[in-house]
Amino acid sequence: MGDGTPAHVMQGGNNRQACFFADDDHLFFLDCLAKNTKRFQCALHAYVLMTNHFHLLLTSEFGDLALVPIWDYTAPCG
């Protein structure tokens, strides 16, 4: 990646377990996502947050999207 090609990124809970338990979890994730897309020079085109997984449509000018912890809601948000 890094050439502007859109990437479909998805991640789910272990054994399909929930990764979002309350509205605040969604809001925290979206806050981190907004900060990290800016930090890692990614454009977020679409997202879907489900109880046990999420989907993102991203493009990156940063380089290899696999190296960007953009969807890791445990990553620092600052």
N, C-alpha and C. Protein backbone atom coordinates (compact mmCIF):
# COMPACT_ATOMS: atom_id res chain seq x y z
N MET A 1 0.84 -1.18 0.00
CA MET A 1 0.00 0.00 0.00
C MET A 1 0.89 1.24 0.00
N GLY A 2 0.25 2.35 0.22
CA GLY A 2 0.98 3.60 0.18
C GLY A 2 0.81 4.31 -1.14
N ASP A 3 0.11 3.64 -2.05
CA ASP A 3 -0.11 4.23 -3.37
C ASP A 3 -1.51 4.81 -3.50
N GLY A 4 -2.23 4.90 -2.38
CA GLY A 4 -3.58 5.44 -2.42
C GLY A 4 -4.66 4.41 -2.72
N THR A 5 -4.28 3.14 -2.82
CA THR A 5 -5.26 2.09 -3.07
C THR A 5 -6.09 1.86 -1.81
N PRO A 6 -7.42 1.88 -1.90
CA PRO A 6 -8.24 1.65 -0.72
C PRO A 6 -8.03 0.24 -0.16
N ALA A 7 -8.04 0.15 1.15
CA ALA A 7 -7.89 -1.13 1.83
C ALA A 7 -9.09 -1.36 2.74
N HIS A 8 -9.63 -2.56 2.67
CA HIS A 8 -10.71 -2.96 3.58
C HIS A 8 -10.04 -3.64 4.77
N VAL A 9 -10.17 -3.01 5.93
CA VAL A 9 -9.56 -3.52 7.15
C VAL A 9 -10.69 -3.98 8.07
N MET A 10 -10.54 -5.18 8.60
CA MET A 10 -11.53 -5.64 9.57
C MET A 10 -10.84 -6.37 10.70
N GLN A 11 -11.45 -6.29 11.86
CA GLN A 11 -10.92 -6.97 13.03
C GLN A 11 -12.11 -7.37 13.89
N GLY A 12 -11.99 -8.53 14.49
CA GLY A 12 -13.09 -9.02 15.32
C GLY A 12 -12.61 -9.47 16.67
N GLY A 13 -13.56 -9.65 17.55
CA GLY A 13 -13.27 -10.16 18.88
C GLY A 13 -12.85 -11.62 18.82
N ASN A 14 -12.06 -12.04 19.77
CA ASN A 14 -11.61 -13.41 19.87
C ASN A 14 -12.82 -14.35 20.01
N ASN A 15 -12.87 -15.37 19.18
CA ASN A 15 -14.00 -16.32 19.20
C ASN A 15 -15.35 -15.61 19.05
N ARG A 16 -15.34 -14.55 18.26
CA ARG A 16 -16.54 -13.74 18.00
C ARG A 16 -17.13 -13.09 19.25
N GLN A 17 -16.29 -12.92 20.24
CA GLN A 17 -16.74 -12.24 21.45
C GLN A 17 -16.81 -10.74 21.20
N ALA A 18 -17.57 -10.06 22.01
CA ALA A 18 -17.74 -8.61 21.86
C ALA A 18 -16.43 -7.87 22.09
N CYS A 19 -16.24 -6.82 21.32
CA CYS A 19 -15.12 -5.92 21.56
C CYS A 19 -15.64 -4.53 21.93
N PHE A 20 -16.92 -4.29 21.73
CA PHE A 20 -17.57 -3.06 22.15
C PHE A 20 -18.73 -3.45 23.07
N PHE A 21 -18.75 -2.89 24.26
CA PHE A 21 -19.76 -3.27 25.25
C PHE A 21 -20.76 -2.15 25.54
N ALA A 22 -20.38 -0.92 25.25
CA ALA A 22 -21.24 0.22 25.54
C ALA A 22 -20.98 1.32 24.51
N ASP A 23 -21.87 2.29 24.47
CA ASP A 23 -21.70 3.41 23.53
C ASP A 23 -20.37 4.12 23.75
N ASP A 24 -19.94 4.21 25.00
CA ASP A 24 -18.66 4.86 25.30
C ASP A 24 -17.49 4.14 24.64
N ASP A 25 -17.57 2.82 24.49
CA ASP A 25 -16.52 2.06 23.81
C ASP A 25 -16.44 2.47 22.35
N HIS A 26 -17.59 2.62 21.72
CA HIS A 26 -17.62 3.07 20.32
C HIS A 26 -17.02 4.47 20.19
N LEU A 27 -17.41 5.36 21.09
CA LEU A 27 -16.91 6.73 21.04
C LEU A 27 -15.41 6.80 21.27
N PHE A 28 -14.90 6.01 22.21
CA PHE A 28 -13.46 5.97 22.46
C PHE A 28 -12.73 5.46 21.23
N PHE A 29 -13.23 4.39 20.61
CA PHE A 29 -12.62 3.84 19.41
C PHE A 29 -12.61 4.88 18.30
N LEU A 30 -13.73 5.57 18.08
CA LEU A 30 -13.80 6.57 17.02
C LEU A 30 -12.86 7.74 17.28
N ASP A 31 -12.70 8.12 18.55
CA ASP A 31 -11.76 9.18 18.90
C ASP A 31 -10.33 8.76 18.57
N CYS A 32 -9.96 7.55 18.97
CA CYS A 32 -8.62 7.03 18.66
C CYS A 32 -8.43 6.91 17.16
N LEU A 33 -9.44 6.44 16.48
CA LEU A 33 -9.36 6.28 15.03
C LEU A 33 -9.13 7.62 14.34
N ALA A 34 -9.85 8.64 14.76
CA ALA A 34 -9.67 9.98 14.18
C ALA A 34 -8.25 10.50 14.41
N LYS A 35 -7.76 10.35 15.63
CA LYS A 35 -6.41 10.83 15.94
C LYS A 35 -5.34 10.04 15.18
N ASN A 36 -5.52 8.72 15.11
CA ASN A 36 -4.49 7.90 14.46
C ASN A 36 -4.54 7.99 12.94
N THR A 37 -5.71 8.22 12.35
CA THR A 37 -5.73 8.42 10.89
C THR A 37 -4.95 9.68 10.54
N LYS A 38 -5.12 10.71 11.33
CA LYS A 38 -4.35 11.94 11.10
C LYS A 38 -2.86 11.71 11.33
N ARG A 39 -2.55 11.07 12.45
CA ARG A 39 -1.16 10.81 12.83
C ARG A 39 -0.41 10.00 11.78
N PHE A 40 -1.08 8.99 11.20
CA PHE A 40 -0.44 8.11 10.24
C PHE A 40 -0.81 8.41 8.79
N GLN A 41 -1.34 9.59 8.56
CA GLN A 41 -1.62 10.09 7.22
C GLN A 41 -2.49 9.13 6.41
N CYS A 42 -3.59 8.73 7.02
CA CYS A 42 -4.55 7.86 6.35
C CYS A 42 -5.85 8.61 6.16
N ALA A 43 -6.56 8.25 5.13
CA ALA A 43 -7.90 8.79 4.90
C ALA A 43 -8.90 7.69 5.20
N LEU A 44 -9.85 7.99 6.05
CA LEU A 44 -10.91 7.05 6.39
C LEU A 44 -12.12 7.39 5.52
N HIS A 45 -12.51 6.45 4.67
CA HIS A 45 -13.62 6.69 3.74
C HIS A 45 -14.94 6.16 4.27
N ALA A 46 -14.89 5.09 5.04
CA ALA A 46 -16.11 4.50 5.60
C ALA A 46 -15.74 3.60 6.77
N TYR A 47 -16.70 3.42 7.66
CA TYR A 47 -16.49 2.49 8.77
C TYR A 47 -17.83 1.90 9.19
N VAL A 48 -17.77 0.72 9.78
CA VAL A 48 -18.93 0.07 10.39
C VAL A 48 -18.44 -0.53 11.70
N LEU A 49 -19.11 -0.18 12.79
CA LEU A 49 -18.78 -0.75 14.10
C LEU A 49 -19.92 -1.67 14.52
N MET A 50 -19.61 -2.92 14.71
CA MET A 50 -20.58 -3.90 15.19
C MET A 50 -20.18 -4.27 16.62
N THR A 51 -21.00 -5.01 17.29
CA THR A 51 -20.69 -5.38 18.67
C THR A 51 -19.39 -6.17 18.77
N ASN A 52 -19.18 -7.10 17.83
CA ASN A 52 -18.04 -8.01 17.95
C ASN A 52 -16.99 -7.82 16.85
N HIS A 53 -17.11 -6.82 16.02
CA HIS A 53 -16.10 -6.57 14.99
C HIS A 53 -16.31 -5.20 14.36
N PHE A 54 -15.35 -4.80 13.54
CA PHE A 54 -15.51 -3.55 12.80
C PHE A 54 -14.87 -3.67 11.43
N HIS A 55 -15.30 -2.80 10.53
CA HIS A 55 -14.77 -2.70 9.18
C HIS A 55 -14.35 -1.25 8.95
N LEU A 56 -13.22 -1.07 8.28
CA LEU A 56 -12.74 0.26 7.89
C LEU A 56 -12.38 0.23 6.42
N LEU A 57 -12.61 1.32 5.72
CA LEU A 57 -12.11 1.50 4.36
C LEU A 57 -11.15 2.68 4.42
N LEU A 58 -9.86 2.38 4.19
CA LEU A 58 -8.79 3.36 4.37
C LEU A 58 -7.91 3.45 3.14
N THR A 59 -7.33 4.60 2.95
CA THR A 59 -6.19 4.74 2.05
C THR A 59 -5.06 5.35 2.87
N SER A 60 -3.83 5.00 2.48
CA SER A 60 -2.68 5.48 3.23
C SER A 60 -1.59 5.97 2.29
N GLU A 61 -1.04 7.10 2.63
CA GLU A 61 0.14 7.61 1.93
C GLU A 61 1.38 7.30 2.75
N PHE A 62 1.19 6.73 3.93
CA PHE A 62 2.27 6.44 4.88
C PHE A 62 3.17 5.31 4.39
N GLY A 63 2.60 4.35 3.74
CA GLY A 63 3.34 3.16 3.34
C GLY A 63 2.52 1.93 3.61
N ASP A 64 3.14 0.89 4.06
CA ASP A 64 2.48 -0.38 4.29
C ASP A 64 1.44 -0.24 5.39
N LEU A 65 0.18 -0.41 5.04
CA LEU A 65 -0.90 -0.26 6.00
C LEU A 65 -0.81 -1.27 7.13
N ALA A 66 -0.16 -2.39 6.89
CA ALA A 66 0.01 -3.40 7.93
C ALA A 66 0.87 -2.87 9.08
N LEU A 67 1.65 -1.85 8.85
CA LEU A 67 2.52 -1.29 9.88
C LEU A 67 1.85 -0.16 10.66
N VAL A 68 0.66 0.21 10.26
CA VAL A 68 -0.03 1.34 10.89
C VAL A 68 -1.01 0.81 11.92
N PRO A 69 -0.84 1.17 13.21
CA PRO A 69 -1.74 0.67 14.25
C PRO A 69 -3.05 1.46 14.33
N ILE A 70 -3.59 1.82 13.17
CA ILE A 70 -4.74 2.70 13.11
C ILE A 70 -6.00 2.09 13.70
N TRP A 71 -6.15 0.82 13.55
CA TRP A 71 -7.37 0.15 13.99
C TRP A 71 -7.19 -0.54 15.33
N ASP A 72 -6.03 -0.39 15.91
CA ASP A 72 -5.75 -0.98 17.21
C ASP A 72 -6.20 -0.01 18.29
N TYR A 73 -7.37 -0.26 18.87
CA TYR A 73 -7.90 0.68 19.85
C TYR A 73 -7.16 0.62 21.17
N THR A 74 -6.14 -0.22 21.26
CA THR A 74 -5.27 -0.19 22.43
C THR A 74 -4.04 0.69 22.19
N ALA A 75 -3.86 1.13 20.94
CA ALA A 75 -2.72 1.98 20.60
C ALA A 75 -2.92 3.37 21.25
N PRO A 76 -1.83 4.07 21.51
CA PRO A 76 -1.96 5.42 22.06
C PRO A 76 -2.79 6.30 21.15
N CYS A 77 -3.61 7.13 21.73
CA CYS A 77 -4.50 7.99 20.93
C CYS A 77 -3.98 9.40 20.81
N GLY A 78 -2.75 9.63 21.14
CA GLY A 78 -2.28 11.00 21.13
C GLY A 78 -1.14 11.15 20.24
